[in-house]
Amino acid sequence: MGLAYDPNEALVKKPEKLHSDMEVDEKVNELESASSKVTVELQQIALDEAREVVEQKQRKRERAKLQQSDIEFCQKMVERHGEDYEGMSRDPLNIWQNTPRQVERKIARCVTALGGKTFHVEHFVCAECGKPFGDGGFHEKSNSAYCRDCFYRTYAPKCQSCKQPITHKFITALNTHWHPECFCCQADDYFAGRCPMAVDIYDEIELEDR
């Protein structure tokens, strides 16, 4: 009696491929392309943020060089002469006898310090109180200009003890800010640096300057 078998049962079938090798390669390439695009976008965001930080520092340096009289001079020159620096150099208001090139540089510094904006002189006032800046200059925050008092009142950190704005030296301790003269031991009314009960804390604090 001969032995008979079903070759389909004796041999194991190989499973069919769900995707061809070419399709897999295409999917891998798509994923790599998408990942590369995200990386480039993140790099661009980081560059933009770094550029903004540099520009803010540049504006701060330029503001430190400007007086209110410089700002008023630049504004009036632009109103009267547009971009005619030759005309600006001959204007009676040019009491410093700046050359056209010097006037151009002064206006460029002014525009940079103001975040690329220009104003009528009568409109260049504190964004909070609406008063002219005077000789005290101005501080910029979020593309707005503030006088010194309004800027510190609005944006300066507050002392944990007296709740007043901190404008100069301050102490950072216990995740809060303090005027040096306000940083006292709560158990006694002595300055913390001289109070034995607070020496351990005082040794770890940081004295900073705004």
Protein backbone atom coordinates (compact mmCIF):
# COMPACT_ATOMS: atom_id res chain seq x y z
CA MET A 1 0.00 0.00 0.00
CA GLY A 2 1.64 3.22 -1.07
CA LEU A 3 1.95 6.36 1.06
CA ALA A 4 0.30 9.43 -0.27
CA TYR A 5 0.66 13.02 1.05
CA ASP A 6 -0.59 16.45 0.21
CA PRO A 7 2.40 18.61 -0.76
CA ASN A 8 0.44 21.73 0.27
CA GLU A 9 0.20 20.40 3.82
CA ALA A 10 3.76 19.15 3.96
CA LEU A 11 5.35 22.44 2.93
CA VAL A 12 4.96 25.63 4.96
CA LYS A 13 3.90 28.59 2.89
CA LYS A 14 5.90 31.78 3.23
CA PRO A 15 3.68 34.70 4.25
CA GLU A 16 3.06 37.22 1.57
CA LYS A 17 4.83 40.55 1.97
CA LEU A 18 2.48 43.30 3.05
CA HIS A 19 4.73 45.91 1.48
CA SER A 20 7.41 45.62 -1.12
CA ASP A 21 10.98 46.65 -0.32
CA MET A 22 10.49 49.73 -2.50
CA GLU A 23 7.41 50.80 -0.51
CA VAL A 24 9.32 50.39 2.76
CA ASP A 25 12.18 52.51 1.42
CA GLU A 26 9.73 55.20 0.37
CA LYS A 27 8.16 55.28 3.85
CA VAL A 28 11.60 55.52 5.47
CA ASN A 29 12.54 58.38 3.15
CA GLU A 30 9.29 60.20 3.97
CA LEU A 31 9.91 59.87 7.70
CA GLU A 32 13.51 61.03 7.36
CA SER A 33 12.39 63.99 5.25
CA ALA A 34 9.72 64.97 7.79
CA SER A 35 12.21 64.63 10.65
CA SER A 36 14.73 66.75 8.77
CA LYS A 37 12.09 69.42 8.13
CA VAL A 38 11.17 69.56 11.83
CA THR A 39 14.85 69.84 12.76
CA VAL A 40 15.35 72.72 10.34
CA GLU A 41 12.26 74.50 11.68
CA LEU A 42 13.48 74.12 15.28
CA GLN A 43 16.91 75.41 14.29
CA GLN A 44 15.28 78.43 12.62
CA ILE A 45 13.22 79.14 15.75
CA ALA A 46 16.37 78.99 17.88
CA LEU A 47 18.19 81.32 15.48
CA ASP A 48 15.30 83.78 15.50
CA GLU A 49 15.23 83.81 19.30
CA ALA A 50 19.00 84.30 19.47
CA ARG A 51 18.79 87.11 16.92
CA GLU A 52 16.07 88.83 18.97
CA VAL A 53 18.25 88.64 22.10
CA VAL A 54 21.17 90.19 20.21
CA GLU A 55 18.93 92.95 18.82
CA GLN A 56 17.56 93.73 22.28
CA LYS A 57 21.08 94.03 23.66
CA GLN A 58 22.03 96.26 20.73
CA ARG A 59 19.03 98.52 21.35
CA LYS A 60 19.93 98.70 25.03
CA ARG A 61 23.49 99.77 24.21
CA GLU A 62 22.26 102.37 21.75
CA ARG A 63 19.74 103.75 24.24
CA ALA A 64 22.54 104.22 26.75
CA LYS A 65 24.28 106.53 24.28
CA LEU A 66 21.23 108.67 23.56
CA GLN A 67 20.03 111.75 25.39
CA GLN A 68 16.51 113.12 25.10
CA SER A 69 17.95 116.03 23.11
CA ASP A 70 19.43 113.56 20.59
CA ILE A 71 16.05 111.87 20.15
CA GLU A 72 14.26 115.19 19.65
CA PHE A 73 16.91 116.32 17.16
CA CYS A 74 16.60 113.12 15.11
CA GLN A 75 12.81 113.28 15.09
CA LYS A 76 12.75 116.89 13.92
CA MET A 77 15.35 116.24 11.23
CA VAL A 78 13.35 113.32 9.82
CA GLU A 79 10.15 115.41 9.89
CA ARG A 80 11.79 118.32 8.10
CA HIS A 81 14.11 116.59 5.64
CA GLY A 82 13.08 112.95 5.27
CA GLU A 83 16.31 111.22 4.20
CA ASP A 84 18.08 114.37 2.96
CA TYR A 85 21.13 114.24 5.23
CA GLU A 86 22.78 117.09 3.34
CA GLY A 87 19.80 119.28 4.23
CA MET A 88 19.97 118.10 7.84
CA SER A 89 23.62 119.10 8.11
CA ARG A 90 22.72 122.66 7.01
CA ASP A 91 19.67 122.93 9.28
CA PRO A 92 19.95 125.65 12.00
CA LEU A 93 19.07 122.99 14.59
CA ASN A 94 22.35 121.23 13.80
CA ILE A 95 24.19 123.28 16.41
CA TRP A 96 26.86 120.57 16.70
CA GLN A 97 27.71 121.09 13.01
CA ASN A 98 27.50 117.38 12.31
CA THR A 99 28.39 116.27 8.81
CA PRO A 100 25.73 114.48 6.71
CA ARG A 101 27.38 111.17 7.54
CA GLN A 102 27.39 111.95 11.27
CA VAL A 103 23.73 112.95 11.17
CA GLU A 104 22.87 109.72 9.35
CA ARG A 105 24.68 107.63 11.97
CA LYS A 106 22.97 109.49 14.81
CA ILE A 107 19.54 108.89 13.28
CA ALA A 108 20.39 105.22 12.67
CA ARG A 109 21.30 104.83 16.36
CA CYS A 110 18.07 106.52 17.36
CA VAL A 111 15.94 104.27 15.16
CA THR A 112 17.78 101.18 16.42
CA ALA A 113 17.28 102.21 20.04
CA LEU A 114 13.57 102.69 19.43
CA GLY A 115 13.18 99.22 17.97
CA GLY A 116 13.02 100.44 14.37
CA LYS A 117 10.20 102.91 15.05
CA THR A 118 9.98 106.64 14.53
CA PHE A 119 7.75 109.09 16.39
CA HIS A 120 6.70 112.69 16.31
CA VAL A 121 8.49 114.42 19.17
CA GLU A 122 5.22 115.26 20.92
CA HIS A 123 4.14 111.61 20.64
CA PHE A 124 7.34 110.10 22.04
CA VAL A 125 6.18 109.80 25.64
CA CYS A 126 5.97 107.14 28.33
CA ALA A 127 3.54 104.37 27.40
CA GLU A 128 2.29 104.24 31.01
CA CYS A 129 1.99 107.81 32.33
CA GLY A 130 2.04 109.68 28.99
CA LYS A 131 4.70 112.15 30.15
CA PRO A 132 7.84 113.17 28.18
CA PHE A 133 10.97 111.32 29.22
CA GLY A 134 13.15 114.33 29.98
CA ASP A 135 16.82 113.84 30.80
CA GLY A 136 16.14 110.54 32.54
CA GLY A 137 15.88 108.72 29.22
CA PHE A 138 13.61 105.73 28.70
CA HIS A 139 13.45 101.96 29.06
CA GLU A 140 12.02 99.63 26.44
CA LYS A 141 9.82 96.61 27.12
CA SER A 142 7.72 94.70 24.58
CA ASN A 143 8.38 97.39 21.93
CA SER A 144 7.04 100.14 24.22
CA ALA A 145 9.00 102.94 25.87
CA TYR A 146 8.63 103.76 29.57
CA CYS A 147 10.06 106.41 31.87
CA ARG A 148 12.28 105.09 34.64
CA ASP A 149 9.64 105.30 37.40
CA CYS A 150 6.88 103.58 35.41
CA PHE A 151 9.23 100.90 34.10
CA TYR A 152 10.43 99.88 37.56
CA ARG A 153 6.95 100.14 39.07
CA THR A 154 5.54 97.88 36.36
CA TYR A 155 8.33 95.42 35.61
CA ALA A 156 10.90 95.45 38.42
CA PRO A 157 10.79 92.57 40.91
CA LYS A 158 9.23 93.50 44.24
CA CYS A 159 10.98 93.19 47.59
CA GLN A 160 9.53 90.32 49.60
CA SER A 161 9.52 92.49 52.73
CA CYS A 162 8.47 96.04 51.80
CA LYS A 163 6.78 95.11 48.46
CA GLN A 164 8.46 98.08 46.74
CA PRO A 165 10.22 97.78 43.33
CA ILE A 166 13.88 96.79 43.41
CA THR A 167 15.94 99.18 41.29
CA HIS A 168 19.53 98.63 42.43
CA LYS A 169 21.32 96.02 44.52
CA PHE A 170 19.21 93.17 45.81
CA ILE A 171 19.48 89.84 47.56
CA THR A 172 18.11 86.59 46.15
CA ALA A 173 17.17 84.12 48.88
CA LEU A 174 14.45 81.53 49.44
CA ASN A 175 13.37 81.96 45.80
CA THR A 176 12.47 85.62 46.40
CA HIS A 177 14.11 89.05 46.08
CA TRP A 178 14.92 91.50 48.87
CA HIS A 179 16.43 94.93 49.33
CA PRO A 180 19.66 94.35 51.31
CA GLU A 181 18.33 96.54 54.14
CA CYS A 182 15.03 94.59 54.19
CA PHE A 183 16.56 91.13 54.47
CA CYS A 184 16.15 90.65 58.23
CA CYS A 185 15.65 87.71 60.52
CA GLN A 186 11.94 87.21 61.10
CA ALA A 187 12.60 86.15 64.69
CA ASP A 188 14.43 89.39 65.51
CA ASP A 189 14.63 92.83 63.93
CA TYR A 190 18.31 92.59 63.05
CA PHE A 191 19.91 92.57 59.64
CA ALA A 192 20.31 88.91 58.70
CA GLY A 193 24.06 89.25 58.23
CA ARG A 194 24.46 90.06 61.94
CA CYS A 195 21.82 87.74 63.33
CA PRO A 196 23.25 84.36 64.49
CA MET A 197 19.92 82.70 63.80
CA ALA A 198 20.20 83.58 60.11
CA VAL A 199 23.91 83.09 59.43
CA ASP A 200 23.41 79.76 57.68
CA ILE A 201 20.92 81.32 55.27
CA TYR A 202 22.90 84.52 54.78
CA ASP A 203 26.03 82.60 53.80
CA GLU A 204 24.15 81.12 50.85
CA ILE A 205 22.42 84.20 49.49
CA GLU A 206 23.48 86.12 46.41
CA LEU A 207 23.98 89.88 46.33
CA GLU A 208 23.15 91.11 42.85
CA ASP A 209 22.99 94.43 41.04
CA ARG A 210 20.38 95.47 38.51
